[in-house]
């Protein structure tokens, strides 16, 4: 990996909190280990993020046997003042509606 490619891989437009929330919205029964693999962070970091989302009211965690089921609250507004006019459902809808499009090639 070149230095330029490494630098490009170091940041994304959406935060890890957004990535975890989007993954939970796509799969309510996803395991923390699978979330960590999908987002590219540690299980411990995923656990902290899930706790943050739970405490802020963005998700509920329902214990079902030995597994957790997650419920996203799509009516909640995003936190930062720049996007506070948007709801979680807007973010999910934007990502889901573009999910079938191929990414543009890097130049």
PDB file of N, CA and C in Angstrom:
ATOM      1  N   UNK A   1       0.848  -1.177   0.000  1.00  0.00           N
ATOM      2  CA  UNK A   1       0.000   0.000   0.000  1.00  0.00           C
ATOM      3  C   UNK A   1       0.892   1.237   0.000  1.00  0.00           C
ATOM      4  N   UNK A   2       0.635   2.131  -0.926  1.00  0.00           N
ATOM      5  CA  UNK A   2       1.424   3.361  -1.005  1.00  0.00           C
ATOM      6  C   UNK A   2       1.035   4.298   0.134  1.00  0.00           C
ATOM      7  N   UNK A   3       1.861   5.306   0.375  1.00  0.00           N
ATOM      8  CA  UNK A   3       1.574   6.284   1.422  1.00  0.00           C
ATOM      9  C   UNK A   3       0.263   7.005   1.143  1.00  0.00           C
ATOM     10  N   UNK A   4       0.002   7.298  -0.132  1.00  0.00           N
ATOM     11  CA  UNK A   4      -1.237   7.982  -0.501  1.00  0.00           C
ATOM     12  C   UNK A   4      -2.444   7.091  -0.213  1.00  0.00           C
ATOM     13  N   UNK A   5      -2.363   5.817  -0.590  1.00  0.00           N
ATOM     14  CA  UNK A   5      -3.468   4.891  -0.335  1.00  0.00           C
ATOM     15  C   UNK A   5      -3.687   4.713   1.161  1.00  0.00           C
ATOM     16  N   UNK A   6      -2.591   4.641   1.920  1.00  0.00           N
ATOM     17  CA  UNK A   6      -2.697   4.497   3.368  1.00  0.00           C
ATOM     18  C   UNK A   6      -3.395   5.715   3.966  1.00  0.00           C
ATOM     19  N   UNK A   7      -3.022   6.916   3.528  1.00  0.00           N
ATOM     20  CA  UNK A   7      -3.647   8.139   4.031  1.00  0.00           C
ATOM     21  C   UNK A   7      -5.132   8.166   3.682  1.00  0.00           C
ATOM     22  N   UNK A   8      -5.482   7.773   2.466  1.00  0.00           N
ATOM     23  CA  UNK A   8      -6.887   7.769   2.046  1.00  0.00           C
ATOM     24  C   UNK A   8      -7.712   6.787   2.865  1.00  0.00           C
ATOM     25  N   UNK A   9      -7.104   5.712   3.323  1.00  0.00           N
ATOM     26  CA  UNK A   9      -7.822   4.701   4.086  1.00  0.00           C
ATOM     27  C   UNK A   9      -7.991   5.092   5.552  1.00  0.00           C
ATOM     28  N   UNK A  10      -7.382   6.174   5.999  1.00  0.00           N
ATOM     29  CA  UNK A  10      -7.392   6.548   7.408  1.00  0.00           C
ATOM     30  C   UNK A  10      -8.642   7.299   7.859  1.00  0.00           C
ATOM     31  N   UNK A  11      -9.425   7.818   6.964  1.00  0.00           N
ATOM     32  CA  UNK A  11     -10.606   8.552   7.407  1.00  0.00           C
ATOM     33  C   UNK A  11     -11.780   8.264   6.488  1.00  0.00           C
ATOM     34  N   UNK A  12     -12.976   8.479   7.009  1.00  0.00           N
ATOM     35  CA  UNK A  12     -14.201   8.304   6.229  1.00  0.00           C
ATOM     36  C   UNK A  12     -15.133   9.472   6.533  1.00  0.00           C
ATOM     37  N   UNK A  13     -16.130   9.656   5.699  1.00  0.00           N
ATOM     38  CA  UNK A  13     -17.075  10.750   5.915  1.00  0.00           C
ATOM     39  C   UNK A  13     -18.023  10.480   7.075  1.00  0.00           C
ATOM     40  N   UNK A  14     -18.338   9.232   7.326  1.00  0.00           N
ATOM     41  CA  UNK A  14     -19.231   8.892   8.430  1.00  0.00           C
ATOM     42  C   UNK A  14     -18.421   8.339   9.596  1.00  0.00           C
ATOM     43  N   UNK A  15     -18.882   8.609  10.800  1.00  0.00           N
ATOM     44  CA  UNK A  15     -18.182   8.154  12.003  1.00  0.00           C
ATOM     45  C   UNK A  15     -18.437   6.673  12.262  1.00  0.00           C
ATOM     46  N   UNK A  16     -17.660   6.106  13.168  1.00  0.00           N
ATOM     47  CA  UNK A  16     -17.897   4.725  13.570  1.00  0.00           C
ATOM     48  C   UNK A  16     -19.273   4.567  14.207  1.00  0.00           C
ATOM     49  N   UNK A  17     -19.743   5.592  14.915  1.00  0.00           N
ATOM     50  CA  UNK A  17     -21.095   5.538  15.483  1.00  0.00           C
ATOM     51  C   UNK A  17     -22.127   5.377  14.364  1.00  0.00           C
ATOM     52  N   UNK A  18     -21.970   6.135  13.298  1.00  0.00           N
ATOM     53  CA  UNK A  18     -22.897   6.020  12.165  1.00  0.00           C
ATOM     54  C   UNK A  18     -22.789   4.644  11.526  1.00  0.00           C
ATOM     55  N   UNK A  19     -21.582   4.141  11.365  1.00  0.00           N
ATOM     56  CA  UNK A  19     -21.404   2.818  10.762  1.00  0.00           C
ATOM     57  C   UNK A  19     -22.071   1.735  11.599  1.00  0.00           C
ATOM     58  N   UNK A  20     -21.892   1.783  12.922  1.00  0.00           N
ATOM     59  CA  UNK A  20     -22.515   0.790  13.800  1.00  0.00           C
ATOM     60  C   UNK A  20     -24.030   0.905  13.721  1.00  0.00           C
ATOM     61  N   UNK A  21     -24.551   2.115  13.775  1.00  0.00           N
ATOM     62  CA  UNK A  21     -26.000   2.313  13.696  1.00  0.00           C
ATOM     63  C   UNK A  21     -26.558   1.783  12.379  1.00  0.00           C
ATOM     64  N   UNK A  22     -25.884   2.052  11.282  1.00  0.00           N
ATOM     65  CA  UNK A  22     -26.338   1.571   9.974  1.00  0.00           C
ATOM     66  C   UNK A  22     -26.305   0.047   9.898  1.00  0.00           C
ATOM     67  N   UNK A  23     -25.278  -0.565  10.447  1.00  0.00           N
ATOM     68  CA  UNK A  23     -25.198  -2.037  10.446  1.00  0.00           C
ATOM     69  C   UNK A  23     -26.313  -2.645  11.286  1.00  0.00           C
ATOM     70  N   UNK A  24     -26.601  -2.035  12.425  1.00  0.00           N
ATOM     71  CA  UNK A  24     -27.690  -2.516  13.274  1.00  0.00           C
ATOM     72  C   UNK A  24     -29.022  -2.355  12.552  1.00  0.00           C
ATOM     73  N   UNK A  25     -29.199  -1.250  11.845  1.00  0.00           N
ATOM     74  CA  UNK A  25     -30.440  -1.034  11.092  1.00  0.00           C
ATOM     75  C   UNK A  25     -30.617  -2.093  10.006  1.00  0.00           C
ATOM     76  N   UNK A  26     -29.520  -2.553   9.428  1.00  0.00           N
ATOM     77  CA  UNK A  26     -29.582  -3.571   8.375  1.00  0.00           C
ATOM     78  C   UNK A  26     -29.793  -4.969   8.929  1.00  0.00           C
ATOM     79  N   UNK A  27     -29.348  -5.212  10.161  1.00  0.00           N
ATOM     80  CA  UNK A  27     -29.421  -6.556  10.735  1.00  0.00           C
ATOM     81  C   UNK A  27     -29.616  -6.451  12.243  1.00  0.00           C
ATOM     82  N   UNK A  28     -30.861  -6.555  12.686  1.00  0.00           N
ATOM     83  CA  UNK A  28     -31.207  -6.353  14.096  1.00  0.00           C
ATOM     84  C   UNK A  28     -30.576  -7.380  15.026  1.00  0.00           C
ATOM     85  N   UNK A  29     -30.180  -8.522  14.499  1.00  0.00           N
ATOM     86  CA  UNK A  29     -29.613  -9.570  15.352  1.00  0.00           C
ATOM     87  C   UNK A  29     -28.101  -9.726  15.175  1.00  0.00           C
ATOM     88  N   UNK A  30     -27.453  -8.718  14.643  1.00  0.00           N
ATOM     89  CA  UNK A  30     -26.007  -8.795  14.397  1.00  0.00           C
ATOM     90  C   UNK A  30     -25.245  -8.907  15.724  1.00  0.00           C
ATOM     91  N   UNK A  31     -24.206  -9.719  15.735  1.00  0.00           N
ATOM     92  CA  UNK A  31     -23.373  -9.891  16.928  1.00  0.00           C
ATOM     93  C   UNK A  31     -22.307  -8.800  16.977  1.00  0.00           C
ATOM     94  N   UNK A  32     -21.867  -8.475  18.193  1.00  0.00           N
ATOM     95  CA  UNK A  32     -20.830  -7.453  18.353  1.00  0.00           C
ATOM     96  C   UNK A  32     -19.580  -7.812  17.563  1.00  0.00           C
ATOM     97  N   UNK A  33     -19.218  -9.073  17.558  1.00  0.00           N
ATOM     98  CA  UNK A  33     -18.031  -9.517  16.815  1.00  0.00           C
ATOM     99  C   UNK A  33     -18.193  -9.224  15.325  1.00  0.00           C
ATOM    100  N   UNK A  34     -19.384  -9.506  14.795  1.00  0.00           N
ATOM    101  CA  UNK A  34     -19.635  -9.253  13.377  1.00  0.00           C
ATOM    102  C   UNK A  34     -19.667  -7.758  13.079  1.00  0.00           C
ATOM    103  N   UNK A  35     -20.224  -6.977  14.011  1.00  0.00           N
ATOM    104  CA  UNK A  35     -20.200  -5.518  13.865  1.00  0.00           C
ATOM    105  C   UNK A  35     -18.759  -5.017  13.806  1.00  0.00           C
ATOM    106  N   UNK A  36     -17.935  -5.520  14.705  1.00  0.00           N
ATOM    107  CA  UNK A  36     -16.530  -5.102  14.747  1.00  0.00           C
ATOM    108  C   UNK A  36     -15.835  -5.414  13.428  1.00  0.00           C
ATOM    109  N   UNK A  37     -16.062  -6.614  12.906  1.00  0.00           N
ATOM    110  CA  UNK A  37     -15.448  -6.995  11.630  1.00  0.00           C
ATOM    111  C   UNK A  37     -15.931  -6.105  10.494  1.00  0.00           C
ATOM    112  N   UNK A  38     -17.226  -5.847  10.467  1.00  0.00           N
ATOM    113  CA  UNK A  38     -17.809  -5.072   9.370  1.00  0.00           C
ATOM    114  C   UNK A  38     -17.342  -3.612   9.397  1.00  0.00           C
ATOM    115  N   UNK A  39     -17.285  -3.029  10.597  1.00  0.00           N
ATOM    116  CA  UNK A  39     -16.905  -1.620  10.732  1.00  0.00           C
ATOM    117  C   UNK A  39     -15.382  -1.451  10.707  1.00  0.00           C
ATOM    118  N   UNK A  40     -14.665  -2.488  11.116  1.00  0.00           N
ATOM    119  CA  UNK A  40     -13.209  -2.409  11.121  1.00  0.00           C
ATOM    120  C   UNK A  40     -12.636  -1.842  12.405  1.00  0.00           C
ATOM    121  N   UNK A  41     -13.328  -2.098  13.521  1.00  0.00           N
ATOM    122  CA  UNK A  41     -12.865  -1.645  14.829  1.00  0.00           C
ATOM    123  C   UNK A  41     -12.920  -2.832  15.792  1.00  0.00           C
ATOM    124  N   UNK A  42     -12.464  -2.628  17.016  1.00  0.00           N
ATOM    125  CA  UNK A  42     -12.445  -3.720  17.989  1.00  0.00           C
ATOM    126  C   UNK A  42     -13.840  -3.961  18.569  1.00  0.00           C
ATOM    127  N   UNK A  43     -14.019  -5.165  19.125  1.00  0.00           N
ATOM    128  CA  UNK A  43     -15.285  -5.464  19.805  1.00  0.00           C
ATOM    129  C   UNK A  43     -15.508  -4.509  20.969  1.00  0.00           C
ATOM    130  N   UNK A  44     -14.443  -4.180  21.658  1.00  0.00           N
ATOM    131  CA  UNK A  44     -14.548  -3.257  22.789  1.00  0.00           C
ATOM    132  C   UNK A  44     -15.062  -1.888  22.331  1.00  0.00           C
ATOM    133  N   UNK A  45     -14.544  -1.406  21.204  1.00  0.00           N
ATOM    134  CA  UNK A  45     -15.005  -0.121  20.658  1.00  0.00           C
ATOM    135  C   UNK A  45     -16.471  -0.210  20.250  1.00  0.00           C
ATOM    136  N   UNK A  46     -16.865  -1.333  19.644  1.00  0.00           N
ATOM    137  CA  UNK A  46     -18.271  -1.523  19.268  1.00  0.00           C
ATOM    138  C   UNK A  46     -19.145  -1.504  20.509  1.00  0.00           C
ATOM    139  N   UNK A  47     -18.707  -2.167  21.569  1.00  0.00           N
ATOM    140  CA  UNK A  47     -19.490  -2.195  22.807  1.00  0.00           C
ATOM    141  C   UNK A  47     -19.693  -0.784  23.352  1.00  0.00           C
ATOM    142  N   UNK A  48     -18.632   0.026  23.332  1.00  0.00           N
ATOM    143  CA  UNK A  48     -18.749   1.424  23.790  1.00  0.00           C
ATOM    144  C   UNK A  48     -19.736   2.203  22.928  1.00  0.00           C
ATOM    145  N   UNK A  49     -19.664   2.004  21.621  1.00  0.00           N
ATOM    146  CA  UNK A  49     -20.556   2.721  20.707  1.00  0.00           C
ATOM    147  C   UNK A  49     -21.998   2.280  20.916  1.00  0.00           C
ATOM    148  N   UNK A  50     -22.233   0.977  21.057  1.00  0.00           N
ATOM    149  CA  UNK A  50     -23.591   0.476  21.307  1.00  0.00           C
ATOM    150  C   UNK A  50     -24.121   1.074  22.609  1.00  0.00           C
ATOM    151  N   UNK A  51     -23.277   1.153  23.637  1.00  0.00           N
ATOM    152  CA  UNK A  51     -23.682   1.771  24.903  1.00  0.00           C
ATOM    153  C   UNK A  51     -24.023   3.245  24.697  1.00  0.00           C
ATOM    154  N   UNK A  52     -23.201   3.964  23.935  1.00  0.00           N
ATOM    155  CA  UNK A  52     -23.489   5.373  23.628  1.00  0.00           C
ATOM    156  C   UNK A  52     -24.838   5.516  22.934  1.00  0.00           C
ATOM    157  N   UNK A  53     -25.076   4.686  21.917  1.00  0.00           N
ATOM    158  CA  UNK A  53     -26.326   4.760  21.151  1.00  0.00           C
ATOM    159  C   UNK A  53     -27.525   4.420  22.026  1.00  0.00           C
ATOM    160  N   UNK A  54     -27.364   3.451  22.912  1.00  0.00           N
ATOM    161  CA  UNK A  54     -28.428   3.059  23.834  1.00  0.00           C
ATOM    162  C   UNK A  54     -28.733   4.192  24.810  1.00  0.00           C
ATOM    163  N   UNK A  55     -27.695   4.742  25.429  1.00  0.00           N
ATOM    164  CA  UNK A  55     -27.883   5.817  26.406  1.00  0.00           C
ATOM    165  C   UNK A  55     -28.469   7.077  25.780  1.00  0.00           C
ATOM    166  N   UNK A  56     -28.169   7.329  24.514  1.00  0.00           N
ATOM    167  CA  UNK A  56     -28.693   8.512  23.821  1.00  0.00           C
ATOM    168  C   UNK A  56     -30.081   8.270  23.231  1.00  0.00           C
ATOM    169  N   UNK A  57     -30.593   7.039  23.344  1.00  0.00           N
ATOM    170  CA  UNK A  57     -31.942   6.745  22.866  1.00  0.00           C
ATOM    171  C   UNK A  57     -32.048   6.429  21.386  1.00  0.00           C
ATOM    172  N   UNK A  58     -30.930   6.157  20.733  1.00  0.00           N
ATOM    173  CA  UNK A  58     -30.961   5.839  19.304  1.00  0.00           C
ATOM    174  C   UNK A  58     -31.306   4.381  19.032  1.00  0.00           C
ATOM    175  N   UNK A  59     -31.054   3.512  20.013  1.00  0.00           N
ATOM    176  CA  UNK A  59     -31.387   2.096  19.874  1.00  0.00           C
ATOM    177  C   UNK A  59     -31.928   1.567  21.196  1.00  0.00           C
ATOM    178  N   UNK A  60     -32.626   0.452  21.120  1.00  0.00           N
ATOM    179  CA  UNK A  60     -32.975  -0.367  22.275  1.00  0.00           C
ATOM    180  C   UNK A  60     -32.292  -1.703  22.083  1.00  0.00           C
ATOM    181  N   UNK A  61     -31.941  -2.341  23.189  1.00  0.00           N
ATOM    182  CA  UNK A  61     -31.365  -3.680  23.147  1.00  0.00           C
ATOM    183  C   UNK A  61     -32.347  -4.607  23.839  1.00  0.00           C
ATOM    184  N   UNK A  62     -32.773  -5.625  23.119  1.00  0.00           N
ATOM    185  CA  UNK A  62     -33.720  -6.599  23.642  1.00  0.00           C
ATOM    186  C   UNK A  62     -32.989  -7.929  23.763  1.00  0.00           C
ATOM    187  N   UNK A  63     -32.942  -8.452  24.976  1.00  0.00           N
ATOM    188  CA  UNK A  63     -32.275  -9.737  25.217  1.00  0.00           C
ATOM    189  C   UNK A  63     -33.215 -10.849  24.792  1.00  0.00           C
ATOM    190  N   UNK A  64     -32.730 -11.732  23.942  1.00  0.00           N
ATOM    191  CA  UNK A  64     -33.518 -12.874  23.488  1.00  0.00           C
ATOM    192  C   UNK A  64     -32.652 -14.122  23.626  1.00  0.00           C
ATOM    193  N   UNK A  65     -32.855 -14.849  24.730  1.00  0.00           N
ATOM    194  CA  UNK A  65     -31.997 -15.992  25.013  1.00  0.00           C
ATOM    195  C   UNK A  65     -30.583 -15.517  25.281  1.00  0.00           C
ATOM    196  N   UNK A  66     -29.632 -16.063  24.540  1.00  0.00           N
ATOM    197  CA  UNK A  66     -28.234 -15.650  24.688  1.00  0.00           C
ATOM    198  C   UNK A  66     -27.860 -14.554  23.700  1.00  0.00           C
ATOM    199  N   UNK A  67     -28.804 -14.110  22.920  1.00  0.00           N
ATOM    200  CA  UNK A  67     -28.533 -13.119  21.869  1.00  0.00           C
ATOM    201  C   UNK A  67     -29.200 -11.787  22.189  1.00  0.00           C
ATOM    202  N   UNK A  68     -28.701 -10.754  21.567  1.00  0.00           N
ATOM    203  CA  UNK A  68     -29.320  -9.434  21.637  1.00  0.00           C
ATOM    204  C   UNK A  68     -29.984  -9.121  20.306  1.00  0.00           C
ATOM    205  N   UNK A  69     -31.135  -8.500  20.388  1.00  0.00           N
ATOM    206  CA  UNK A  69     -31.788  -7.922  19.216  1.00  0.00           C
ATOM    207  C   UNK A  69     -31.769  -6.418  19.420  1.00  0.00           C
ATOM    208  N   UNK A  70     -31.546  -5.701  18.358  1.00  0.00           N
ATOM    209  CA  UNK A  70     -31.461  -4.248  18.440  1.00  0.00           C
ATOM    210  C   UNK A  70     -32.620  -3.631  17.674  1.00  0.00           C
ATOM    211  N   UNK A  71     -33.155  -2.561  18.234  1.00  0.00           N
ATOM    212  CA  UNK A  71     -34.202  -1.809  17.547  1.00  0.00           C
ATOM    213  C   UNK A  71     -33.729  -0.365  17.429  1.00  0.00           C
ATOM    214  N   UNK A  72     -33.698   0.117  16.218  1.00  0.00           N
ATOM    215  CA  UNK A  72     -33.276   1.490  15.939  1.00  0.00           C
ATOM    216  C   UNK A  72     -34.496   2.398  16.037  1.00  0.00           C
ATOM    217  N   UNK A  73     -34.301   3.587  16.567  1.00  0.00           N
ATOM    218  CA  UNK A  73     -35.363   4.597  16.639  1.00  0.00           C
ATOM    219  C   UNK A  73     -35.176   5.580  15.482  1.00  0.00           C
ATOM    220  N   UNK A  74     -35.836   5.318  14.357  1.00  0.00           N
ATOM    221  CA  UNK A  74     -35.619   6.129  13.156  1.00  0.00           C
ATOM    222  C   UNK A  74     -36.104   7.574  13.281  1.00  0.00           C
ATOM    223  N   UNK A  75     -36.946   7.850  14.271  1.00  0.00           N
ATOM    224  CA  UNK A  75     -37.491   9.199  14.427  1.00  0.00           C
ATOM    225  C   UNK A  75     -36.518  10.160  15.119  1.00  0.00           C
ATOM    226  N   UNK A  76     -35.469   9.622  15.726  1.00  0.00           N
ATOM    227  CA  UNK A  76     -34.507  10.464  16.444  1.00  0.00           C
ATOM    228  C   UNK A  76     -33.743  11.360  15.467  1.00  0.00           C
ATOM    229  N   UNK A  77     -33.459  12.562  15.923  1.00  0.00           N
ATOM    230  CA  UNK A  77     -32.667  13.499  15.121  1.00  0.00           C
ATOM    231  C   UNK A  77     -31.178  13.234  15.333  1.00  0.00           C
ATOM    232  N   UNK A  78     -30.385  13.519  14.308  1.00  0.00           N
ATOM    233  CA  UNK A  78     -28.937  13.397  14.420  1.00  0.00           C
ATOM    234  C   UNK A  78     -28.424  14.458  15.394  1.00  0.00           C
ATOM    235  N   UNK A  79     -27.253  14.241  15.945  1.00  0.00           N
ATOM    236  CA  UNK A  79     -26.785  15.030  17.083  1.00  0.00           C
ATOM    237  C   UNK A  79     -26.094  16.344  16.733  1.00  0.00           C
ATOM    238  N   UNK A  80     -25.291  16.362  15.712  1.00  0.00           N
ATOM    239  CA  UNK A  80     -24.494  17.558  15.416  1.00  0.00           C
ATOM    240  C   UNK A  80     -25.394  18.664  14.874  1.00  0.00           C
ATOM    241  N   UNK A  81     -25.157  19.916  15.263  1.00  0.00           N
ATOM    242  CA  UNK A  81     -26.006  21.017  14.794  1.00  0.00           C
ATOM    243  C   UNK A  81     -26.126  21.111  13.272  1.00  0.00           C
ATOM    244  N   UNK A  82     -25.091  20.733  12.546  1.00  0.00           N
ATOM    245  CA  UNK A  82     -25.145  20.823  11.084  1.00  0.00           C
ATOM    246  C   UNK A  82     -26.186  19.880  10.502  1.00  0.00           C
ATOM    247  N   UNK A  83     -26.340  18.692  11.110  1.00  0.00           N
ATOM    248  CA  UNK A  83     -27.310  17.734  10.571  1.00  0.00           C
ATOM    249  C   UNK A  83     -28.478  17.471  11.522  1.00  0.00           C
ATOM    250  N   UNK A  84     -28.656  18.322  12.523  1.00  0.00           N
ATOM    251  CA  UNK A  84     -29.714  18.104  13.516  1.00  0.00           C
ATOM    252  C   UNK A  84     -31.118  18.156  12.914  1.00  0.00           C
ATOM    253  N   UNK A  85     -31.267  18.732  11.738  1.00  0.00           N
ATOM    254  CA  UNK A  85     -32.575  18.760  11.079  1.00  0.00           C
ATOM    255  C   UNK A  85     -32.912  17.415  10.433  1.00  0.00           C
ATOM    256  N   UNK A  86     -31.943  16.512  10.366  1.00  0.00           N
ATOM    257  CA  UNK A  86     -32.143  15.188   9.755  1.00  0.00           C
ATOM    258  C   UNK A  86     -32.448  14.157  10.830  1.00  0.00           C
ATOM    259  N   UNK A  87     -33.238  13.181  10.447  1.00  0.00           N
ATOM    260  CA  UNK A  87     -33.552  12.066  11.341  1.00  0.00           C
ATOM    261  C   UNK A  87     -32.677  10.866  10.986  1.00  0.00           C
ATOM    262  N   UNK A  88     -32.620   9.925  11.906  1.00  0.00           N
ATOM    263  CA  UNK A  88     -31.904   8.673  11.660  1.00  0.00           C
ATOM    264  C   UNK A  88     -32.453   8.010  10.402  1.00  0.00           C
ATOM    265  N   UNK A  89     -33.762   8.077  10.213  1.00  0.00           N
ATOM    266  CA  UNK A  89     -34.378   7.462   9.026  1.00  0.00           C
ATOM    267  C   UNK A  89     -33.854   8.084   7.733  1.00  0.00           C
ATOM    268  N   UNK A  90     -33.518   9.372   7.756  1.00  0.00           N
ATOM    269  CA  UNK A  90     -32.947  10.021   6.567  1.00  0.00           C
ATOM    270  C   UNK A  90     -31.574   9.433   6.241  1.00  0.00           C
ATOM    271  N   UNK A  91     -30.762   9.242   7.275  1.00  0.00           N
ATOM    272  CA  UNK A  91     -29.429   8.664   7.085  1.00  0.00           C
ATOM    273  C   UNK A  91     -29.536   7.237   6.555  1.00  0.00           C
ATOM    274  N   UNK A  92     -30.387   6.447   7.179  1.00  0.00           N
ATOM    275  CA  UNK A  92     -30.568   5.059   6.747  1.00  0.00           C
ATOM    276  C   UNK A  92     -31.083   5.021   5.314  1.00  0.00           C
ATOM    277  N   UNK A  93     -32.059   5.849   5.011  1.00  0.00           N
ATOM    278  CA  UNK A  93     -32.624   5.887   3.664  1.00  0.00           C
ATOM    279  C   UNK A  93     -31.605   6.279   2.615  1.00  0.00           C
ATOM    280  N   UNK A  94     -30.755   7.242   2.949  1.00  0.00           N
ATOM    281  CA  UNK A  94     -29.730   7.681   2.001  1.00  0.00           C
ATOM    282  C   UNK A  94     -28.764   6.538   1.688  1.00  0.00           C
ATOM    283  N   UNK A  95     -28.340   5.829   2.708  1.00  0.00           N
ATOM    284  CA  UNK A  95     -27.381   4.741   2.514  1.00  0.00           C
ATOM    285  C   UNK A  95     -28.045   3.564   1.811  1.00  0.00           C
ATOM    286  N   UNK A  96     -29.246   3.205   2.217  1.00  0.00           N
ATOM    287  CA  UNK A  96     -29.934   2.071   1.593  1.00  0.00           C
ATOM    288  C   UNK A  96     -30.283   2.343   0.141  1.00  0.00           C
ATOM    289  N   UNK A  97     -30.692   3.566  -0.170  1.00  0.00           N
ATOM    290  CA  UNK A  97     -31.091   3.863  -1.546  1.00  0.00           C
ATOM    291  C   UNK A  97     -29.899   3.890  -2.495  1.00  0.00           C
ATOM    292  N   UNK A  98     -28.721   4.139  -1.965  1.00  0.00           N
ATOM    293  CA  UNK A  98     -27.538   4.158  -2.825  1.00  0.00           C
ATOM    294  C   UNK A  98     -26.780   2.837  -2.772  1.00  0.00           C
ATOM    295  N   UNK A  99     -27.273   1.878  -2.016  1.00  0.00           N
ATOM    296  CA  UNK A  99     -26.580   0.612  -1.826  1.00  0.00           C
ATOM    297  C   UNK A  99     -26.440  -0.230  -3.064  1.00  0.00           C
ATOM    298  N   UNK A 100     -27.287  -0.017  -4.057  1.00  0.00           N
ATOM    299  CA  UNK A 100     -27.201  -0.834  -5.268  1.00  0.00           C
ATOM    300  C   UNK A 100     -26.373  -0.168  -6.356  1.00  0.00           C
ATOM    301  N   UNK A 101     -25.778   0.968  -6.054  1.00  0.00           N
ATOM    302  CA  UNK A 101     -24.949   1.656  -7.041  1.00  0.00           C
ATOM    303  C   UNK A 101     -23.491   1.273  -6.840  1.00  0.00           C
ATOM    304  N   UNK A 102     -22.787   1.124  -7.925  1.00  0.00           N
ATOM    305  CA  UNK A 102     -21.358   0.820  -7.870  1.00  0.00           C
ATOM    306  C   UNK A 102     -20.595   2.084  -7.486  1.00  0.00           C
ATOM    307  N   UNK A 103     -19.582   1.961  -6.619  1.00  0.00           N
ATOM    308  CA  UNK A 103     -18.775   3.143  -6.304  1.00  0.00           C
ATOM    309  C   UNK A 103     -18.010   3.615  -7.530  1.00  0.00           C
ATOM    310  N   UNK A 104     -17.803   4.923  -7.587  1.00  0.00           N
ATOM    311  CA  UNK A 104     -17.042   5.478  -8.706  1.00  0.00           C
ATOM    312  C   UNK A 104     -15.584   5.069  -8.570  1.00  0.00           C
ATOM    313  N   UNK A 105     -14.914   4.805  -9.688  1.00  0.00           N
ATOM    314  CA  UNK A 105     -13.495   4.424  -9.612  1.00  0.00           C
ATOM    315  C   UNK A 105     -12.658   5.575  -9.076  1.00  0.00           C
ATOM    316  N   UNK A 106     -11.595   5.213  -8.326  1.00  0.00           N
ATOM    317  CA  UNK A 106     -10.675   6.229  -7.805  1.00  0.00           C
ATOM    318  C   UNK A 106      -9.819   6.750  -8.938  1.00  0.00           C
ATOM    319  N   UNK A 107      -9.525   8.045  -8.892  1.00  0.00           N
ATOM    320  CA  UNK A 107      -8.677   8.635  -9.931  1.00  0.00           C
ATOM    321  C   UNK A 107      -7.351   9.042  -9.363  1.00  0.00           C
TER     322      UNK A 107
END
